[in-house]
N, C-alpha and C. Protein backbone atom coordinates (compact mmCIF):
# COMPACT_ATOMS: atom_id res chain seq x y z
N UNK A 1 16.86 8.72 2.06
CA UNK A 1 16.67 8.61 3.61
C UNK A 1 15.19 8.15 3.66
N UNK A 2 14.53 7.60 2.51
CA UNK A 2 13.11 7.22 2.75
C UNK A 2 12.11 8.31 2.87
N UNK A 3 12.51 9.59 2.69
CA UNK A 3 11.57 10.68 2.90
C UNK A 3 11.11 11.24 1.48
N UNK A 4 9.91 11.43 1.44
CA UNK A 4 9.21 11.91 0.19
C UNK A 4 8.41 13.16 0.52
N UNK A 5 8.34 13.96 -0.59
CA UNK A 5 7.33 15.12 -0.44
C UNK A 5 6.18 14.88 -1.44
N UNK A 6 4.93 15.03 -0.96
CA UNK A 6 3.81 14.79 -1.87
C UNK A 6 3.68 15.99 -2.77
N UNK A 7 3.35 15.76 -4.03
CA UNK A 7 3.07 16.76 -5.06
C UNK A 7 1.96 16.37 -5.89
N UNK A 8 1.16 17.30 -6.34
CA UNK A 8 0.15 17.00 -7.30
C UNK A 8 -1.12 16.66 -6.46
N UNK A 9 -2.14 16.19 -7.43
CA UNK A 9 -3.56 15.88 -6.80
C UNK A 9 -3.63 14.38 -6.55
N UNK A 10 -2.59 13.59 -7.05
CA UNK A 10 -2.79 12.15 -6.82
C UNK A 10 -1.39 11.63 -6.50
N UNK A 11 -0.79 11.87 -5.31
CA UNK A 11 0.55 11.45 -4.89
C UNK A 11 0.49 9.96 -4.59
N UNK A 12 1.51 9.25 -5.10
CA UNK A 12 1.53 7.79 -4.73
C UNK A 12 3.15 7.30 -4.87
N UNK A 13 3.22 6.21 -4.28
CA UNK A 13 4.53 5.51 -4.39
C UNK A 13 4.22 4.04 -4.82
N UNK A 14 5.21 3.52 -5.74
CA UNK A 14 5.16 2.22 -6.17
C UNK A 14 6.30 1.42 -5.60
N UNK A 15 5.91 0.18 -5.28
CA UNK A 15 6.89 -0.69 -4.65
C UNK A 15 6.78 -1.92 -5.57
N UNK A 16 7.97 -2.13 -6.15
CA UNK A 16 8.13 -3.33 -7.19
C UNK A 16 8.56 -4.44 -6.29
N UNK A 17 7.97 -5.69 -6.50
CA UNK A 17 8.33 -6.88 -5.66
C UNK A 17 9.56 -7.55 -6.22
N UNK A 18 10.33 -8.15 -5.48
CA UNK A 18 11.51 -8.79 -5.90
C UNK A 18 11.13 -9.88 -6.90
N UNK A 19 10.10 -10.61 -6.59
CA UNK A 19 9.61 -11.65 -7.44
C UNK A 19 8.08 -11.76 -7.37
N UNK A 20 7.37 -12.08 -8.43
CA UNK A 20 5.89 -12.15 -8.34
C UNK A 20 5.39 -13.08 -7.22
N UNK A 21 4.30 -12.65 -6.58
CA UNK A 21 3.70 -13.51 -5.46
C UNK A 21 2.29 -13.78 -5.88
N UNK A 22 1.80 -14.86 -5.31
CA UNK A 22 0.39 -15.17 -5.32
C UNK A 22 -0.20 -14.61 -4.09
N UNK A 23 -1.18 -13.68 -4.35
CA UNK A 23 -1.83 -12.92 -3.38
C UNK A 23 -2.48 -13.64 -2.21
N UNK A 24 -3.12 -14.80 -2.58
CA UNK A 24 -3.66 -15.65 -1.49
C UNK A 24 -2.76 -16.09 -0.55
N UNK A 25 -1.47 -16.17 -0.84
CA UNK A 25 -0.39 -16.52 0.03
C UNK A 25 0.13 -15.49 0.85
N UNK A 26 -0.29 -14.10 0.57
CA UNK A 26 0.15 -12.94 1.32
C UNK A 26 -0.91 -12.07 1.55
N UNK A 27 -1.65 -12.49 2.61
CA UNK A 27 -2.91 -11.79 3.04
C UNK A 27 -2.68 -10.59 4.03
N UNK A 28 -1.48 -10.44 4.43
CA UNK A 28 -1.18 -9.41 5.51
C UNK A 28 -0.28 -8.42 4.82
N UNK A 29 -0.58 -7.05 4.97
CA UNK A 29 0.18 -6.02 4.56
C UNK A 29 0.68 -5.15 5.64
N UNK A 30 1.97 -4.88 5.88
CA UNK A 30 2.40 -3.99 6.91
C UNK A 30 3.18 -2.77 6.31
N UNK A 31 2.65 -1.68 6.74
CA UNK A 31 3.16 -0.33 6.24
C UNK A 31 3.79 0.39 7.44
N UNK A 32 4.98 0.98 7.15
CA UNK A 32 5.67 1.81 8.17
C UNK A 32 5.64 3.23 7.65
N UNK A 33 4.77 4.22 8.18
CA UNK A 33 4.64 5.57 7.71
C UNK A 33 4.76 6.47 8.82
N UNK A 34 5.44 7.58 8.56
CA UNK A 34 5.59 8.72 9.39
C UNK A 34 5.29 9.99 8.68
N UNK A 35 4.34 10.80 9.19
CA UNK A 35 3.92 12.01 8.43
C UNK A 35 4.43 13.24 9.15
N UNK A 36 4.92 14.21 8.47
CA UNK A 36 5.73 15.30 9.00
C UNK A 36 4.81 16.13 10.01
N UNK A 37 3.41 16.18 9.72
CA UNK A 37 2.72 17.06 10.55
C UNK A 37 2.07 16.30 11.68
N UNK A 38 2.41 14.99 11.97
CA UNK A 38 1.89 14.31 13.12
C UNK A 38 0.59 13.80 12.94
N UNK A 39 -0.11 13.81 11.69
CA UNK A 39 -1.37 13.35 11.50
C UNK A 39 -1.50 11.90 11.93
N UNK A 40 -2.47 11.69 12.75
CA UNK A 40 -2.70 10.25 13.30
C UNK A 40 -3.10 9.21 12.28
N UNK A 41 -4.11 9.69 11.42
CA UNK A 41 -4.77 8.81 10.36
C UNK A 41 -4.40 9.33 8.90
N UNK A 42 -3.99 8.50 8.08
CA UNK A 42 -3.71 8.79 6.78
C UNK A 42 -4.56 7.91 5.86
N UNK A 43 -5.53 8.46 5.13
CA UNK A 43 -6.38 7.59 4.18
C UNK A 43 -5.60 7.16 2.99
N UNK A 44 -5.48 5.91 2.70
CA UNK A 44 -4.64 5.43 1.51
C UNK A 44 -5.36 4.46 0.74
N UNK A 45 -5.07 4.21 -0.51
CA UNK A 45 -5.55 3.16 -1.28
C UNK A 45 -4.37 2.35 -1.81
N UNK A 46 -4.50 1.08 -1.81
CA UNK A 46 -3.51 0.20 -2.27
C UNK A 46 -3.97 -0.39 -3.61
N UNK A 47 -3.21 -0.24 -4.64
CA UNK A 47 -3.45 -0.98 -5.94
C UNK A 47 -2.28 -1.87 -6.13
N UNK A 48 -2.54 -2.85 -7.02
CA UNK A 48 -1.62 -3.80 -7.32
C UNK A 48 -1.58 -4.18 -8.83
N UNK A 49 -0.38 -4.52 -9.28
CA UNK A 49 -0.22 -4.79 -10.77
C UNK A 49 0.24 -6.34 -10.82
N UNK A 50 -0.15 -6.95 -11.76
CA UNK A 50 0.14 -8.32 -12.05
C UNK A 50 1.01 -8.54 -13.43
N UNK A 51 1.39 -9.70 -13.64
CA UNK A 51 2.01 -10.04 -14.96
C UNK A 51 1.19 -9.73 -16.14
N UNK A 52 -0.20 -9.91 -15.88
CA UNK A 52 -1.16 -9.73 -16.98
C UNK A 52 -1.96 -8.44 -16.97
N UNK A 53 -1.80 -7.59 -15.96
CA UNK A 53 -2.70 -6.36 -15.90
C UNK A 53 -1.92 -5.20 -15.02
N UNK A 54 -2.26 -4.08 -15.49
CA UNK A 54 -1.65 -2.79 -14.83
C UNK A 54 -2.50 -2.57 -13.51
N UNK A 55 -2.11 -1.45 -12.85
CA UNK A 55 -2.88 -0.86 -11.75
C UNK A 55 -4.29 -0.48 -12.28
N UNK A 56 -5.41 -0.77 -11.41
CA UNK A 56 -6.67 -0.27 -11.85
C UNK A 56 -7.63 -0.34 -10.67
N UNK A 57 -8.71 0.41 -10.91
CA UNK A 57 -9.76 0.52 -9.96
C UNK A 57 -10.27 -0.88 -9.46
N UNK A 58 -10.25 -1.75 -10.40
CA UNK A 58 -10.74 -3.22 -10.07
C UNK A 58 -9.80 -3.82 -9.01
N UNK A 59 -8.55 -3.45 -8.88
CA UNK A 59 -7.59 -4.07 -7.98
C UNK A 59 -7.18 -3.03 -6.96
N UNK A 60 -8.13 -2.72 -6.13
CA UNK A 60 -7.85 -1.56 -5.10
C UNK A 60 -8.41 -2.05 -3.72
N UNK A 61 -7.72 -1.54 -2.68
CA UNK A 61 -8.19 -1.71 -1.43
C UNK A 61 -7.84 -0.56 -0.56
N UNK A 62 -8.90 0.02 0.15
CA UNK A 62 -8.82 1.20 0.92
C UNK A 62 -8.53 0.89 2.38
N UNK A 63 -7.63 1.72 3.06
CA UNK A 63 -7.54 1.42 4.49
C UNK A 63 -6.91 2.82 5.08
N UNK A 64 -6.98 2.86 6.37
CA UNK A 64 -6.33 3.95 7.11
C UNK A 64 -5.03 3.55 7.63
N UNK A 65 -4.00 4.33 7.23
CA UNK A 65 -2.59 4.07 7.84
C UNK A 65 -2.41 4.96 9.03
N UNK A 66 -1.75 4.53 10.01
CA UNK A 66 -1.43 5.23 11.23
C UNK A 66 0.10 5.50 11.26
N UNK A 67 0.36 6.47 12.13
CA UNK A 67 1.81 6.88 12.38
C UNK A 67 2.41 5.63 12.84
N UNK A 68 3.63 5.23 12.28
CA UNK A 68 4.31 4.06 12.66
C UNK A 68 3.81 2.91 11.82
N UNK A 69 3.82 1.73 12.54
CA UNK A 69 3.34 0.42 11.76
C UNK A 69 1.89 0.33 11.64
N UNK A 70 1.35 0.02 10.47
CA UNK A 70 0.01 -0.41 10.33
C UNK A 70 -0.09 -1.68 9.64
N UNK A 71 -0.79 -2.62 10.23
CA UNK A 71 -0.88 -3.99 9.69
C UNK A 71 -2.37 -4.10 9.22
N UNK A 72 -2.56 -4.53 7.95
CA UNK A 72 -3.82 -4.60 7.32
C UNK A 72 -4.05 -6.01 6.70
N UNK A 73 -5.21 -6.49 7.18
CA UNK A 73 -5.60 -7.91 6.63
C UNK A 73 -6.24 -7.72 5.32
N UNK A 74 -5.72 -8.31 4.24
CA UNK A 74 -6.21 -8.20 2.85
C UNK A 74 -7.19 -9.29 2.48
N UNK A 75 -7.37 -10.21 3.42
CA UNK A 75 -8.16 -11.42 3.07
C UNK A 75 -9.54 -11.06 2.58
N UNK A 76 -10.15 -9.90 2.96
CA UNK A 76 -11.47 -9.60 2.69
C UNK A 76 -11.63 -9.07 1.41
N UNK A 77 -10.44 -8.70 0.78
CA UNK A 77 -10.53 -8.15 -0.74
C UNK A 77 -10.42 -9.22 -1.60
N UNK A 78 -11.64 -9.61 -2.32
CA UNK A 78 -11.69 -10.75 -3.14
C UNK A 78 -10.75 -10.51 -4.32
N UNK A 79 -10.69 -9.25 -4.79
CA UNK A 79 -9.76 -9.09 -6.11
C UNK A 79 -8.31 -9.30 -5.62
N UNK A 80 -7.96 -9.06 -4.43
CA UNK A 80 -6.51 -9.33 -4.03
C UNK A 80 -6.25 -10.84 -3.95
N UNK A 81 -7.14 -11.54 -3.27
CA UNK A 81 -7.14 -13.01 -2.99
C UNK A 81 -7.01 -13.82 -4.34
N UNK A 82 -7.80 -13.25 -5.41
CA UNK A 82 -7.79 -14.00 -6.71
C UNK A 82 -6.77 -13.56 -7.57
N UNK A 83 -5.83 -12.56 -7.27
CA UNK A 83 -4.78 -12.12 -8.11
C UNK A 83 -3.63 -13.17 -8.11
N UNK A 84 -3.20 -13.47 -9.28
CA UNK A 84 -1.95 -14.30 -9.43
C UNK A 84 -0.86 -13.42 -9.97
N UNK A 85 0.34 -13.72 -9.51
CA UNK A 85 1.58 -13.16 -9.98
C UNK A 85 1.59 -11.59 -9.85
N UNK A 86 1.38 -11.07 -8.50
CA UNK A 86 1.47 -9.69 -8.31
C UNK A 86 2.85 -9.16 -8.37
N UNK A 87 3.15 -8.16 -9.19
CA UNK A 87 4.53 -7.78 -9.37
C UNK A 87 4.84 -6.53 -8.71
N UNK A 88 3.77 -5.67 -8.32
CA UNK A 88 4.04 -4.28 -7.70
C UNK A 88 2.79 -3.96 -6.98
N UNK A 89 3.00 -3.03 -6.00
CA UNK A 89 2.01 -2.56 -5.12
C UNK A 89 2.11 -0.94 -5.23
N UNK A 90 1.08 -0.29 -5.25
CA UNK A 90 1.09 1.12 -5.37
C UNK A 90 0.26 1.65 -4.26
N UNK A 91 0.77 2.56 -3.47
CA UNK A 91 0.10 3.19 -2.35
C UNK A 91 -0.20 4.64 -2.79
N UNK A 92 -1.40 4.94 -2.96
CA UNK A 92 -1.93 6.27 -3.19
C UNK A 92 -2.43 6.95 -1.85
N UNK A 93 -2.04 8.29 -1.64
CA UNK A 93 -2.48 9.09 -0.51
C UNK A 93 -3.71 9.79 -0.98
N UNK A 94 -4.84 9.56 -0.16
CA UNK A 94 -6.13 10.23 -0.67
C UNK A 94 -6.27 11.54 -0.33
N UNK A 95 -5.50 12.13 0.70
CA UNK A 95 -5.50 13.52 1.17
C UNK A 95 -4.06 14.11 0.90
N UNK A 96 -3.80 14.53 -0.34
CA UNK A 96 -2.44 15.16 -0.56
C UNK A 96 -2.03 16.02 0.24
N UNK A 97 -2.92 17.05 0.69
CA UNK A 97 -2.44 18.12 1.65
C UNK A 97 -2.23 17.65 3.12
N UNK A 98 -2.76 16.48 3.35
CA UNK A 98 -2.71 16.07 4.78
C UNK A 98 -1.34 15.59 5.28
N UNK A 99 -0.38 15.38 4.29
CA UNK A 99 0.90 14.89 4.73
C UNK A 99 1.80 15.33 3.62
N UNK A 100 2.44 16.58 3.79
CA UNK A 100 3.29 17.17 2.65
C UNK A 100 4.75 16.43 2.58
N UNK A 101 5.06 16.03 3.70
CA UNK A 101 6.46 15.27 3.73
C UNK A 101 6.20 13.98 4.53
N UNK A 102 6.61 12.78 4.07
CA UNK A 102 6.41 11.56 4.82
C UNK A 102 7.64 10.61 4.55
N UNK A 103 7.81 9.83 5.65
CA UNK A 103 8.84 8.72 5.51
C UNK A 103 8.12 7.36 5.42
N UNK A 104 8.41 6.54 4.46
CA UNK A 104 7.76 5.36 4.30
C UNK A 104 8.86 4.24 4.20
N UNK A 105 8.72 3.27 5.19
CA UNK A 105 9.63 2.14 5.20
C UNK A 105 9.33 1.07 4.13
N UNK A 106 10.00 0.07 3.97
CA UNK A 106 9.66 -1.01 2.95
C UNK A 106 8.23 -1.63 3.24
N UNK A 107 7.49 -1.95 2.42
CA UNK A 107 6.27 -2.66 2.56
C UNK A 107 6.53 -4.10 2.85
N UNK A 108 5.76 -4.79 3.69
CA UNK A 108 5.95 -6.15 4.03
C UNK A 108 4.58 -6.78 3.66
N UNK A 109 4.77 -7.91 2.94
CA UNK A 109 3.50 -8.88 2.59
C UNK A 109 3.78 -10.22 3.18
N UNK A 110 2.74 -10.77 3.79
CA UNK A 110 3.04 -11.95 4.43
C UNK A 110 1.67 -12.76 4.70
N UNK A 111 1.71 -13.81 5.43
CA UNK A 111 0.60 -14.58 5.91
C UNK A 111 0.07 -14.19 7.17
N UNK A 112 -1.14 -14.01 7.46
CA UNK A 112 -1.75 -13.62 8.71
C UNK A 112 -1.90 -14.80 9.43
N UNK A 113 -1.04 -14.76 10.55
CA UNK A 113 -1.12 -15.97 11.53
C UNK A 113 -1.56 -15.46 12.99
N UNK A 114 -2.38 -16.08 13.43
CA UNK A 114 -3.01 -15.72 14.86
C UNK A 114 -2.39 -16.61 15.91
């Protein structure tokens, strides 16, 4: 049902992409998150894996996710824009106790159009 319980000191979810993408062509991330305790703000980190490298601190972007849909502009993250062939995205929850059960919809990556 898309519901997860957080466990341990570093809870995270990995989203494998259907096919590798060039990050500079996908500068917008949309996350759909619902936290069981109604917390308005959930601090998260996004990491990404490419065909040539695993998840690492060098490929990380921090942001605050809100209840429901959160749209994040990734164009300011140089390491994202420079990445080729991104194959997976990992979402780490920085405050494991802040959200013991959550529902996460599919991640959406796309182009930021005004």
